[in-house]
Amino acid sequence: MSRGGFSPDEMLPVVDRHDRQVGLAPRRRVHAEGLAHRAVHILVFDPRGRLYLQRRSAAKDTYPLYWTSSASGHVDPGESYHQAAVRELHEELGLELELRPVGRIPAGQATDHEFTEVFWAVSAAAPVPDPAEIMEGRFFTWPQAQALAADPARAVPSLAVVLALLAGPPAGGNP
């Protein structure tokens, strides 16, 4: 049974250019009209410094079968970015980890008009991908992840922007 999933009628907070909520709209309208909204990306590294990336399910409404961060998703109404990251990590990968903030990306074309906060964690536990959300997932070295992110035929546009926030895999607890 799916832990997560999505509905085109799911209501999302719509925000202004300063990331202040100005209303709610159905997911399909938010994406169709390019309305600014909120999202999170989580980067999960293993103890060897390899980054887990996922290939999105064929059922996804945007970028099906493209590679993206370890876990990602929209911020729900009334939810903080951190709360959304914790929820998405559990829904998509079945993991509960201490998440550390990496940075913030302004809404724009590369992020599909999403104000995005990025978090990271290190885990020795194996991710358990939700098949409703994820076609496949695996660990990549940092150079492999960067090369994949640079390939617009294989990776979502936001992946390169997300990875650009990091200098590399965690060393001594900092990415």
C-alpha atoms as a PDB file:
ATOM      1  CA  MET A   1       0.000   0.000   0.000  1.00  0.00           C
ATOM      2  CA  SER A   2       1.256   3.461  -0.879  1.00  0.00           C
ATOM      3  CA  ARG A   3       2.497   5.669   1.947  1.00  0.00           C
ATOM      4  CA  GLY A   4       2.154   8.808  -0.132  1.00  0.00           C
ATOM      5  CA  GLY A   5       0.849   9.505  -3.587  1.00  0.00           C
ATOM      6  CA  PHE A   6      -0.757  12.612  -4.967  1.00  0.00           C
ATOM      7  CA  SER A   7      -4.065  13.914  -6.201  1.00  0.00           C
ATOM      8  CA  PRO A   8      -4.536  16.556  -8.917  1.00  0.00           C
ATOM      9  CA  ASP A   9      -7.209  18.074  -6.671  1.00  0.00           C
ATOM     10  CA  GLU A  10      -4.889  18.355  -3.642  1.00  0.00           C
ATOM     11  CA  MET A  11      -4.987  21.943  -2.361  1.00  0.00           C
ATOM     12  CA  LEU A  12      -1.651  23.751  -2.241  1.00  0.00           C
ATOM     13  CA  PRO A  13      -0.732  27.096  -0.696  1.00  0.00           C
ATOM     14  CA  VAL A  14      -0.193  29.711  -3.407  1.00  0.00           C
ATOM     15  CA  VAL A  15       2.393  32.342  -2.483  1.00  0.00           C
ATOM     16  CA  ASP A  16       3.523  35.750  -3.695  1.00  0.00           C
ATOM     17  CA  ARG A  17       7.036  36.675  -4.824  1.00  0.00           C
ATOM     18  CA  HIS A  18       8.068  37.017  -1.158  1.00  0.00           C
ATOM     19  CA  ASP A  19       6.826  33.496  -0.283  1.00  0.00           C
ATOM     20  CA  ARG A  20       3.825  34.852   1.639  1.00  0.00           C
ATOM     21  CA  GLN A  21       0.695  32.756   1.289  1.00  0.00           C
ATOM     22  CA  VAL A  22      -2.010  34.513  -0.728  1.00  0.00           C
ATOM     23  CA  GLY A  23      -4.464  31.654  -1.162  1.00  0.00           C
ATOM     24  CA  LEU A  24      -5.030  27.997  -1.970  1.00  0.00           C
ATOM     25  CA  ALA A  25      -5.481  26.312  -5.341  1.00  0.00           C
ATOM     26  CA  PRO A  26      -5.752  22.750  -6.650  1.00  0.00           C
ATOM     27  CA  ARG A  27      -2.453  21.137  -7.606  1.00  0.00           C
ATOM     28  CA  ARG A  28      -3.463  20.827 -11.279  1.00  0.00           C
ATOM     29  CA  ARG A  29      -4.204  24.579 -11.474  1.00  0.00           C
ATOM     30  CA  VAL A  30      -0.986  25.495  -9.647  1.00  0.00           C
ATOM     31  CA  HIS A  31       1.061  23.527 -12.180  1.00  0.00           C
ATOM     32  CA  ALA A  32      -1.000  24.462 -15.264  1.00  0.00           C
ATOM     33  CA  GLU A  33      -0.859  28.198 -14.532  1.00  0.00           C
ATOM     34  CA  GLY A  34       2.668  28.291 -13.101  1.00  0.00           C
ATOM     35  CA  LEU A  35       1.506  29.713  -9.768  1.00  0.00           C
ATOM     36  CA  ALA A  36       4.205  30.186  -7.133  1.00  0.00           C
ATOM     37  CA  HIS A  37       4.045  27.580  -4.371  1.00  0.00           C
ATOM     38  CA  ARG A  38       6.299  25.750  -1.880  1.00  0.00           C
ATOM     39  CA  ALA A  39       8.305  22.541  -2.006  1.00  0.00           C
ATOM     40  CA  VAL A  40      11.092  20.657  -0.257  1.00  0.00           C
ATOM     41  CA  HIS A  41      13.949  18.474  -1.449  1.00  0.00           C
ATOM     42  CA  ILE A  42      15.810  16.046   0.802  1.00  0.00           C
ATOM     43  CA  LEU A  43      19.272  14.667   0.019  1.00  0.00           C
ATOM     44  CA  VAL A  44      20.128  11.387   1.767  1.00  0.00           C
ATOM     45  CA  PHE A  45      23.759  10.318   1.853  1.00  0.00           C
ATOM     46  CA  ASP A  46      25.084   6.964   2.994  1.00  0.00           C
ATOM     47  CA  PRO A  47      28.064   6.790   5.395  1.00  0.00           C
ATOM     48  CA  ARG A  48      30.396   6.473   2.367  1.00  0.00           C
ATOM     49  CA  GLY A  49      29.235   9.853   1.056  1.00  0.00           C
ATOM     50  CA  ARG A  50      27.158   8.497  -1.819  1.00  0.00           C
ATOM     51  CA  LEU A  51      23.905  10.306  -2.614  1.00  0.00           C
ATOM     52  CA  TYR A  52      20.624   8.420  -2.993  1.00  0.00           C
ATOM     53  CA  LEU A  53      18.628   9.653  -5.989  1.00  0.00           C
ATOM     54  CA  GLN A  54      15.237   8.454  -7.157  1.00  0.00           C
ATOM     55  CA  ARG A  55      13.700   7.994 -10.573  1.00  0.00           C
ATOM     56  CA  ARG A  56      10.130   9.276 -10.453  1.00  0.00           C
ATOM     57  CA  SER A  57       7.184   6.963 -11.085  1.00  0.00           C
ATOM     58  CA  ALA A  58       5.578   6.858 -14.542  1.00  0.00           C
ATOM     59  CA  ALA A  59       2.343   7.979 -12.839  1.00  0.00           C
ATOM     60  CA  LYS A  60       3.769  11.377 -11.794  1.00  0.00           C
ATOM     61  CA  ASP A  61       2.030  14.418 -13.296  1.00  0.00           C
ATOM     62  CA  THR A  62       5.292  16.285 -13.844  1.00  0.00           C
ATOM     63  CA  TYR A  63       8.570  14.801 -15.077  1.00  0.00           C
ATOM     64  CA  PRO A  64       7.566  11.121 -14.976  1.00  0.00           C
ATOM     65  CA  LEU A  65      10.566   8.750 -15.128  1.00  0.00           C
ATOM     66  CA  TYR A  66      13.073  11.568 -14.523  1.00  0.00           C
ATOM     67  CA  TRP A  67      15.730  11.417 -11.806  1.00  0.00           C
ATOM     68  CA  THR A  68      15.422  13.766  -8.840  1.00  0.00           C
ATOM     69  CA  SER A  69      16.589  14.213  -5.253  1.00  0.00           C
ATOM     70  CA  SER A  70      16.253  11.489  -2.618  1.00  0.00           C
ATOM     71  CA  ALA A  71      12.764  12.706  -1.689  1.00  0.00           C
ATOM     72  CA  SER A  72      10.763  15.796  -2.515  1.00  0.00           C
ATOM     73  CA  GLY A  73       7.275  17.210  -2.449  1.00  0.00           C
ATOM     74  CA  HIS A  74       4.957  20.107  -1.860  1.00  0.00           C
ATOM     75  CA  VAL A  75       4.445  21.880   1.422  1.00  0.00           C
ATOM     76  CA  ASP A  76       0.858  21.325   2.545  1.00  0.00           C
ATOM     77  CA  PRO A  77      -1.426  24.068   3.941  1.00  0.00           C
ATOM     78  CA  GLY A  78      -0.431  24.948   7.507  1.00  0.00           C
ATOM     79  CA  GLU A  79       2.817  22.987   7.285  1.00  0.00           C
ATOM     80  CA  SER A  80       6.359  24.337   7.682  1.00  0.00           C
ATOM     81  CA  TYR A  81       9.093  23.482   5.209  1.00  0.00           C
ATOM     82  CA  HIS A  82      10.772  21.267   7.826  1.00  0.00           C
ATOM     83  CA  GLN A  83       7.528  19.439   8.631  1.00  0.00           C
ATOM     84  CA  ALA A  84       6.994  18.808   4.910  1.00  0.00           C
ATOM     85  CA  ALA A  85      10.531  17.436   4.563  1.00  0.00           C
ATOM     86  CA  VAL A  86      10.042  15.026   7.476  1.00  0.00           C
ATOM     87  CA  ARG A  87       6.704  13.878   6.011  1.00  0.00           C
ATOM     88  CA  GLU A  88       8.015  13.445   2.448  1.00  0.00           C
ATOM     89  CA  LEU A  89      11.082  11.508   3.601  1.00  0.00           C
ATOM     90  CA  HIS A  90       8.861   9.083   5.488  1.00  0.00           C
ATOM     91  CA  GLU A  91       6.233   8.799   2.730  1.00  0.00           C
ATOM     92  CA  GLU A  92       8.671   8.284  -0.125  1.00  0.00           C
ATOM     93  CA  LEU A  93      11.534   6.363   1.491  1.00  0.00           C
ATOM     94  CA  GLY A  94      10.172   5.084   4.806  1.00  0.00           C
ATOM     95  CA  LEU A  95      12.948   6.908   6.684  1.00  0.00           C
ATOM     96  CA  GLU A  96      12.895   9.016   9.829  1.00  0.00           C
ATOM     97  CA  LEU A  97      16.166  10.952  10.062  1.00  0.00           C
ATOM     98  CA  GLU A  98      17.568  14.100  11.601  1.00  0.00           C
ATOM     99  CA  LEU A  99      17.299  16.616   8.771  1.00  0.00           C
ATOM    100  CA  ARG A 100      19.714  19.499   8.469  1.00  0.00           C
ATOM    101  CA  PRO A 101      18.962  22.577   6.359  1.00  0.00           C
ATOM    102  CA  VAL A 102      21.127  23.194   3.299  1.00  0.00           C
ATOM    103  CA  GLY A 103      19.569  26.322   1.866  1.00  0.00           C
ATOM    104  CA  ARG A 104      16.728  27.884  -0.005  1.00  0.00           C
ATOM    105  CA  ILE A 105      16.034  28.321  -3.719  1.00  0.00           C
ATOM    106  CA  PRO A 106      13.768  31.109  -4.973  1.00  0.00           C
ATOM    107  CA  ALA A 107      10.801  30.233  -7.161  1.00  0.00           C
ATOM    108  CA  GLY A 108      11.598  30.228 -10.870  1.00  0.00           C
ATOM    109  CA  GLN A 109      11.461  28.194 -14.055  1.00  0.00           C
ATOM    110  CA  ALA A 110      14.045  25.624 -12.918  1.00  0.00           C
ATOM    111  CA  THR A 111      11.945  24.852  -9.847  1.00  0.00           C
ATOM    112  CA  ASP A 112       8.557  24.915 -11.610  1.00  0.00           C
ATOM    113  CA  HIS A 113       7.730  28.100  -9.686  1.00  0.00           C
ATOM    114  CA  GLU A 114       8.418  26.463  -6.316  1.00  0.00           C
ATOM    115  CA  PHE A 115      10.075  28.235  -3.419  1.00  0.00           C
ATOM    116  CA  THR A 116      12.248  25.331  -2.327  1.00  0.00           C
ATOM    117  CA  GLU A 117      14.000  24.521   0.920  1.00  0.00           C
ATOM    118  CA  VAL A 118      16.636  21.789   0.772  1.00  0.00           C
ATOM    119  CA  PHE A 119      17.594  19.468   3.637  1.00  0.00           C
ATOM    120  CA  TRP A 120      20.159  16.688   3.994  1.00  0.00           C
ATOM    121  CA  ALA A 121      20.828  13.682   6.194  1.00  0.00           C
ATOM    122  CA  VAL A 122      23.189  10.749   6.476  1.00  0.00           C
ATOM    123  CA  SER A 123      21.736   7.292   6.971  1.00  0.00           C
ATOM    124  CA  ALA A 124      23.073   3.763   7.183  1.00  0.00           C
ATOM    125  CA  ALA A 125      19.485   2.479   6.862  1.00  0.00           C
ATOM    126  CA  ALA A 126      18.408   1.367   3.407  1.00  0.00           C
ATOM    127  CA  PRO A 127      15.664   3.475   1.842  1.00  0.00           C
ATOM    128  CA  VAL A 128      12.392   1.625   1.188  1.00  0.00           C
ATOM    129  CA  PRO A 129      10.965   3.410  -1.877  1.00  0.00           C
ATOM    130  CA  ASP A 130       7.212   3.793  -2.222  1.00  0.00           C
ATOM    131  CA  PRO A 131       6.437   2.220  -5.641  1.00  0.00           C
ATOM    132  CA  ALA A 132       3.535   4.650  -6.167  1.00  0.00           C
ATOM    133  CA  GLU A 133       6.067   7.480  -6.057  1.00  0.00           C
ATOM    134  CA  ILE A 134       9.357   5.974  -7.206  1.00  0.00           C
ATOM    135  CA  MET A 135      10.266   3.804 -10.208  1.00  0.00           C
ATOM    136  CA  GLU A 136      13.751   3.091  -8.874  1.00  0.00           C
ATOM    137  CA  GLY A 137      16.425   4.544  -6.659  1.00  0.00           C
ATOM    138  CA  ARG A 138      20.118   4.048  -6.057  1.00  0.00           C
ATOM    139  CA  PHE A 139      23.231   5.606  -4.597  1.00  0.00           C
ATOM    140  CA  PHE A 140      25.549   7.722  -6.755  1.00  0.00           C
ATOM    141  CA  THR A 141      28.994   9.148  -6.133  1.00  0.00           C
ATOM    142  CA  TRP A 142      29.023  12.944  -6.054  1.00  0.00           C
ATOM    143  CA  PRO A 143      30.506  13.249  -9.594  1.00  0.00           C
ATOM    144  CA  GLN A 144      27.944  10.742 -10.906  1.00  0.00           C
ATOM    145  CA  ALA A 145      25.088  12.681  -9.270  1.00  0.00           C
ATOM    146  CA  GLN A 146      26.338  15.965 -10.730  1.00  0.00           C
ATOM    147  CA  ALA A 147      26.630  14.442 -14.216  1.00  0.00           C
ATOM    148  CA  LEU A 148      23.110  13.040 -13.988  1.00  0.00           C
ATOM    149  CA  ALA A 149      21.726  16.387 -12.773  1.00  0.00           C
ATOM    150  CA  ALA A 150      23.326  18.118 -15.769  1.00  0.00           C
ATOM    151  CA  ASP A 151      21.496  15.847 -18.237  1.00  0.00           C
ATOM    152  CA  PRO A 152      18.118  17.479 -19.122  1.00  0.00           C
ATOM    153  CA  ALA A 153      16.977  14.288 -20.854  1.00  0.00           C
ATOM    154  CA  ARG A 154      17.283  12.294 -17.616  1.00  0.00           C
ATOM    155  CA  ALA A 155      16.958  14.642 -14.627  1.00  0.00           C
ATOM    156  CA  VAL A 156      14.372  17.183 -13.484  1.00  0.00           C
ATOM    157  CA  PRO A 157      15.629  20.762 -13.996  1.00  0.00           C
ATOM    158  CA  SER A 158      15.588  21.472 -10.264  1.00  0.00           C
ATOM    159  CA  LEU A 159      18.101  18.718  -9.461  1.00  0.00           C
ATOM    160  CA  ALA A 160      21.065  20.723 -10.754  1.00  0.00           C
ATOM    161  CA  VAL A 161      19.926  23.782  -8.770  1.00  0.00           C
ATOM    162  CA  VAL A 162      19.456  21.687  -5.617  1.00  0.00           C
ATOM    163  CA  LEU A 163      22.900  20.068  -5.898  1.00  0.00           C
ATOM    164  CA  ALA A 164      24.516  23.448  -6.573  1.00  0.00           C
ATOM    165  CA  LEU A 165      23.714  24.407  -2.968  1.00  0.00           C
ATOM    166  CA  LEU A 166      26.255  21.832  -1.772  1.00  0.00           C
ATOM    167  CA  ALA A 167      30.009  21.764  -2.111  1.00  0.00           C
ATOM    168  CA  GLY A 168      29.897  17.966  -2.111  1.00  0.00           C
ATOM    169  CA  PRO A 169      28.993  15.009   0.077  1.00  0.00           C
ATOM    170  CA  PRO A 170      29.132  15.421   3.859  1.00  0.00           C
ATOM    171  CA  ALA A 171      32.553  15.395   5.433  1.00  0.00           C
ATOM    172  CA  GLY A 172      32.643  15.687   9.197  1.00  0.00           C
ATOM    173  CA  GLY A 173      28.908  16.307   9.334  1.00  0.00           C
ATOM    174  CA  ASN A 174      28.706  19.158   6.833  1.00  0.00           C
ATOM    175  CA  PRO A 175      27.905  18.965   3.131  1.00  0.00           C
END
